[in-house]
Amino acid sequence: MRMLLVDHHAKLTRVMQGALLDCGFAVDVMPTLDEASLAFGAVRYDILLLELVLPDGNGLDWLRQLRRERHSIPAIMMSSGDDLETRIAIFNGGADDFLPKPVSTDELIARIRAVLRRSTQVTDPVVTFGNLTFDPIGRQVSVGGQPLKIPRRELCILEHLLNRAGRMVPRTFLVDSLYSFDNEVSSNALEVGIYRLRALLCQAGATLTIKTARGIGYVLEVNDTPPDG
C-alpha cells in the first residue's frame, strides 16, 4: 500500500516513515500542501496522513477540498492541539481519524489498520485464492493453513496481484504502487521481487502461479495442483 504523509517536521516524519516501511507501506513524505497536491495528482494513494498546520496553509482546509472533489481516500489528521473544538472540526472536515502529537508509532499503525479495515466496508477483509489466505490488515499469509513469512516488498507485490487475481496487473502500476518517490529503483527490481515471491510460494506448496506478459505485466492464477517444491 502507498501512503502520502504530509508533515514538515523532518525528525518526526523520519521516525514515522521508518515504522510504516517496516509494516509494508511505501511512503511519500511531502512537507507542504503545494507538494502534497502535486503528489496526490500524480499517484494513486491508499491512505493519507496529514498534519493540521503546515508552512503554506491549513491541512484541514486541503482535506475539505479533497472531499468536495469527491476523493474518498481514508485520511488521518494529526495535530499538537487536542481540544474538543479542534477534534470536532477535524472530523466534520472529512477526517476518518485523529491523532494528537507527539505520535506513538505503535498507536499510529494500529489506527491506520483500523481505518483501512473500516474503509473496506466488509466485516472480513481476508482474501483467499487457491490454498493461500491473506489478511491485508494484519499483513499475514498462510498456505494450506500454515503461516508463510514473506518479506515486506514481496508481500506488497502479492497483495496487488491478489486484489486483481486472474487479471493482468500492469508492470507500471506495480512500480508506482510499491516504490515511493525517494526510492532508487533499479531496472529489474520488480522482476527480482516477482522471482523471490514465486520461489516462496513454490516452496510453501501454494496452488498459485504468477504468469508474465513480458513488458506488460503479471497475472496471478490458480493451479489445479501444488507446484513441486
Protein backbone atom coordinates (compact mmCIF):
# COMPACT_ATOMS: atom_id res chain seq x y z
CA MET A 1 0.00 0.00 0.00
CA ARG A 2 1.16 3.52 -0.74
CA MET A 3 0.72 6.37 1.73
CA LEU A 4 1.02 10.14 1.40
CA LEU A 5 2.43 11.65 4.61
CA VAL A 6 2.11 15.44 4.72
CA ASP A 7 4.17 16.94 7.55
CA HIS A 8 7.07 19.38 7.73
CA HIS A 9 8.65 18.09 10.96
CA ALA A 10 11.61 16.20 9.49
CA LYS A 11 12.67 14.29 12.61
CA LEU A 12 9.16 13.01 13.30
CA THR A 13 8.48 12.06 9.69
CA ARG A 14 11.71 10.02 9.56
CA VAL A 15 10.57 8.01 12.58
CA MET A 16 7.06 7.51 11.21
CA GLN A 17 8.32 6.65 7.73
CA GLY A 18 10.67 4.00 9.11
CA ALA A 19 7.91 2.36 11.17
CA LEU A 20 5.50 2.43 8.23
CA LEU A 21 8.06 0.95 5.84
CA ASP A 22 8.52 -1.94 8.26
CA CYS A 23 4.76 -2.57 8.06
CA GLY A 24 4.70 -2.75 4.27
CA PHE A 25 3.83 0.80 3.24
CA ALA A 26 5.53 2.77 0.51
CA VAL A 27 5.57 6.28 2.00
CA ASP A 28 5.89 9.60 0.17
CA VAL A 29 6.69 12.45 2.57
CA MET A 30 5.66 15.94 1.49
CA PRO A 31 6.42 18.94 3.76
CA THR A 32 3.96 21.38 2.17
CA LEU A 33 0.45 21.38 0.74
CA ASP A 34 1.71 22.50 -2.66
CA GLU A 35 3.98 19.46 -2.88
CA ALA A 36 1.24 17.22 -1.49
CA SER A 37 -1.15 18.42 -4.20
CA LEU A 38 1.37 17.60 -6.93
CA ALA A 39 1.99 14.12 -5.49
CA PHE A 40 -1.72 13.43 -4.99
CA GLY A 41 -2.41 14.31 -8.60
CA ALA A 42 0.37 12.06 -9.89
CA VAL A 43 -0.04 8.86 -7.86
CA ARG A 44 -2.87 6.71 -6.53
CA TYR A 45 -2.62 6.54 -2.73
CA ASP A 46 -4.32 4.12 -0.35
CA ILE A 47 -4.33 6.37 2.72
CA LEU A 48 -3.47 9.94 3.70
CA LEU A 49 -1.70 11.03 6.92
CA LEU A 50 -1.90 14.78 7.32
CA GLU A 51 -0.64 17.45 9.72
CA LEU A 52 -3.16 20.16 10.63
CA VAL A 53 -0.79 23.16 10.49
CA LEU A 54 1.64 23.32 7.58
CA PRO A 55 4.03 26.03 6.33
CA ASP A 56 1.80 27.01 3.39
CA GLY A 57 -1.66 26.51 4.82
CA ASN A 58 -4.14 24.50 6.84
CA GLY A 59 -4.22 20.75 6.30
CA LEU A 60 -7.89 20.53 7.17
CA ASP A 61 -8.82 23.09 4.50
CA TRP A 62 -6.90 20.97 1.98
CA LEU A 63 -8.72 17.82 3.09
CA ARG A 64 -12.09 19.61 2.85
CA GLN A 65 -11.23 20.48 -0.75
CA LEU A 66 -10.42 16.85 -1.49
CA ARG A 67 -13.79 15.81 -0.09
CA ARG A 68 -15.58 18.46 -2.17
CA GLU A 69 -13.87 16.95 -5.21
CA ARG A 70 -15.30 13.53 -4.21
CA HIS A 71 -11.99 11.96 -3.17
CA SER A 72 -12.85 9.22 -0.69
CA ILE A 73 -9.29 8.27 0.31
CA PRO A 74 -9.06 7.34 4.02
CA ALA A 75 -7.44 10.20 5.93
CA ILE A 76 -5.94 10.56 9.40
CA MET A 77 -5.29 14.06 10.74
CA MET A 78 -2.53 14.88 13.25
CA SER A 79 -2.23 17.96 15.45
CA SER A 80 -0.46 19.12 18.60
CA GLY A 81 -3.73 20.78 19.57
CA ASP A 82 -6.16 18.35 21.18
CA ASP A 83 -9.07 20.49 22.36
CA LEU A 84 -12.64 19.38 21.74
CA GLU A 85 -13.37 22.13 19.22
CA THR A 86 -10.35 21.17 17.08
CA ARG A 87 -11.26 17.50 17.10
CA ILE A 88 -14.87 18.17 16.13
CA ALA A 89 -13.74 20.41 13.25
CA ILE A 90 -11.33 17.72 12.05
CA PHE A 91 -13.98 15.00 11.95
CA ASN A 92 -16.56 17.33 10.40
CA GLY A 93 -13.97 18.29 7.77
CA GLY A 94 -13.74 14.76 6.46
CA ALA A 95 -11.03 13.03 8.50
CA ASP A 96 -11.54 9.36 9.34
CA ASP A 97 -9.47 9.56 12.50
CA PHE A 98 -7.41 11.97 14.59
CA LEU A 99 -4.07 11.53 16.35
CA PRO A 100 -2.65 14.04 18.85
CA LYS A 101 1.05 14.81 18.69
CA PRO A 102 3.54 13.57 19.78
CA VAL A 103 2.55 10.43 17.87
CA SER A 104 3.24 6.92 19.14
CA THR A 105 4.23 4.80 16.13
CA ASP A 106 2.52 1.73 17.63
CA GLU A 107 -0.74 3.64 18.02
CA LEU A 108 -0.33 5.19 14.57
CA ILE A 109 -0.03 1.77 12.92
CA ALA A 110 -2.97 0.40 14.92
CA ARG A 111 -5.15 3.34 13.89
CA ILE A 112 -4.10 3.06 10.23
CA ARG A 113 -5.10 -0.59 10.25
CA ALA A 114 -8.43 0.25 11.89
CA VAL A 115 -9.18 2.96 9.32
CA LEU A 116 -8.25 0.67 6.44
CA ARG A 117 -10.40 -2.08 7.94
CA ARG A 118 -13.39 0.25 8.07
CA SER A 119 -12.74 1.52 4.55
CA THR A 120 -13.13 -2.00 3.13
CA GLN A 121 -16.78 -1.86 4.26
CA VAL A 122 -16.75 -5.58 4.97
CA THR A 123 -16.55 -7.46 8.25
CA ASP A 124 -13.90 -9.86 6.99
CA PRO A 125 -11.27 -8.38 4.63
CA VAL A 126 -9.32 -11.65 4.43
CA VAL A 127 -8.59 -12.75 0.84
CA THR A 128 -8.48 -16.43 -0.17
CA PHE A 129 -7.15 -17.58 -3.55
CA GLY A 130 -6.31 -21.20 -4.19
CA ASN A 131 -4.90 -22.56 -0.94
CA LEU A 132 -3.45 -19.20 0.07
CA THR A 133 -5.06 -16.85 2.58
CA PHE A 134 -4.02 -13.22 3.11
CA ASP A 135 -5.09 -10.82 5.86
CA PRO A 136 -4.33 -7.35 4.44
CA ILE A 137 -4.80 -5.60 7.80
CA GLY A 138 -2.70 -7.94 9.92
CA ARG A 139 -0.30 -8.50 6.98
CA GLN A 140 -0.37 -12.27 7.50
CA VAL A 141 -0.20 -15.01 4.86
CA SER A 142 -0.91 -18.72 5.19
CA VAL A 143 -0.74 -21.57 2.69
CA GLY A 144 -2.83 -24.63 3.41
CA GLY A 145 -3.41 -23.28 6.91
CA GLN A 146 0.33 -22.90 7.63
CA PRO A 147 1.80 -19.42 8.21
CA LEU A 148 4.13 -18.18 5.48
CA LYS A 149 6.58 -15.38 6.19
CA ILE A 150 7.05 -13.14 3.17
CA PRO A 151 9.39 -10.09 3.15
CA ARG A 152 7.73 -6.68 3.01
CA ARG A 153 8.35 -5.85 -0.65
CA GLU A 154 7.28 -9.28 -1.94
CA LEU A 155 4.22 -9.17 0.32
CA CYS A 156 3.17 -5.89 -1.29
CA ILE A 157 3.53 -7.46 -4.75
CA LEU A 158 1.40 -10.41 -3.65
CA GLU A 159 -1.27 -8.08 -2.27
CA HIS A 160 -1.63 -6.21 -5.56
CA LEU A 161 -1.76 -9.44 -7.55
CA LEU A 162 -4.39 -10.88 -5.19
CA ASN A 163 -6.51 -7.74 -5.46
CA ARG A 164 -6.68 -8.34 -9.22
CA ALA A 165 -6.41 -12.13 -9.23
CA GLY A 166 -7.00 -13.61 -12.67
CA ARG A 167 -6.49 -10.24 -14.37
CA MET A 168 -3.46 -8.54 -15.84
CA VAL A 169 -1.69 -6.20 -13.42
CA PRO A 170 0.39 -3.73 -15.44
CA ARG A 171 4.06 -3.51 -14.60
CA THR A 172 3.85 0.27 -14.39
CA PHE A 173 1.06 0.03 -11.81
CA LEU A 174 3.15 -2.25 -9.59
CA VAL A 175 6.20 0.01 -9.78
CA ASP A 176 4.11 3.11 -8.95
CA SER A 177 2.41 1.34 -6.04
CA LEU A 178 5.49 -0.25 -4.50
CA TYR A 179 8.11 2.46 -4.61
CA SER A 180 7.98 5.92 -3.09
CA PHE A 181 9.47 8.94 -4.84
CA ASP A 182 12.71 8.80 -2.87
CA ASN A 183 13.37 5.12 -3.62
CA GLU A 184 16.13 4.40 -6.10
CA VAL A 185 14.54 1.70 -8.28
CA SER A 186 16.79 -0.45 -10.44
CA SER A 187 15.52 -1.51 -13.84
CA ASN A 188 14.98 -5.11 -12.72
CA ALA A 189 13.86 -4.51 -9.12
CA LEU A 190 10.29 -5.63 -9.78
CA GLU A 191 11.42 -8.73 -11.67
CA VAL A 192 13.66 -9.71 -8.76
CA GLY A 193 10.72 -9.30 -6.37
CA ILE A 194 8.50 -11.45 -8.59
CA TYR A 195 11.21 -14.13 -8.78
CA ARG A 196 11.55 -14.24 -4.99
CA LEU A 197 7.79 -14.34 -4.49
CA ARG A 198 7.44 -17.22 -6.94
CA ALA A 199 10.13 -19.15 -5.07
CA LEU A 200 8.45 -18.60 -1.69
CA LEU A 201 5.04 -19.68 -3.00
CA CYS A 202 6.52 -22.76 -4.65
CA GLN A 203 8.42 -23.80 -1.53
CA ALA A 204 5.25 -23.44 0.56
CA GLY A 205 3.23 -25.57 -1.86
CA ALA A 206 0.88 -22.79 -2.90
CA THR A 207 -1.56 -23.66 -5.69
CA LEU A 208 -0.81 -20.35 -7.39
CA THR A 209 1.28 -19.29 -10.32
CA ILE A 210 2.43 -15.85 -11.46
CA LYS A 211 2.39 -15.60 -15.24
CA THR A 212 4.43 -12.96 -17.04
CA ALA A 213 3.39 -10.96 -20.07
CA ARG A 214 6.83 -9.64 -20.93
CA GLY A 215 6.99 -5.88 -20.90
CA ILE A 216 3.31 -5.60 -19.93
CA GLY A 217 2.62 -7.09 -16.52
CA TYR A 218 1.68 -10.13 -14.45
CA VAL A 219 -1.33 -12.35 -13.80
CA LEU A 220 -1.94 -14.41 -10.65
CA GLU A 221 -3.73 -17.69 -11.43
CA VAL A 222 -4.67 -20.90 -9.60
CA ASN A 223 -3.11 -24.24 -10.48
CA ASP A 224 -5.07 -27.46 -10.15
CA THR A 225 -2.27 -28.99 -8.08
CA PRO A 226 0.51 -27.53 -5.95
CA PRO A 227 3.83 -26.98 -7.72
CA ASP A 228 6.69 -29.33 -7.00
CA GLY A 229 8.79 -27.91 -4.22
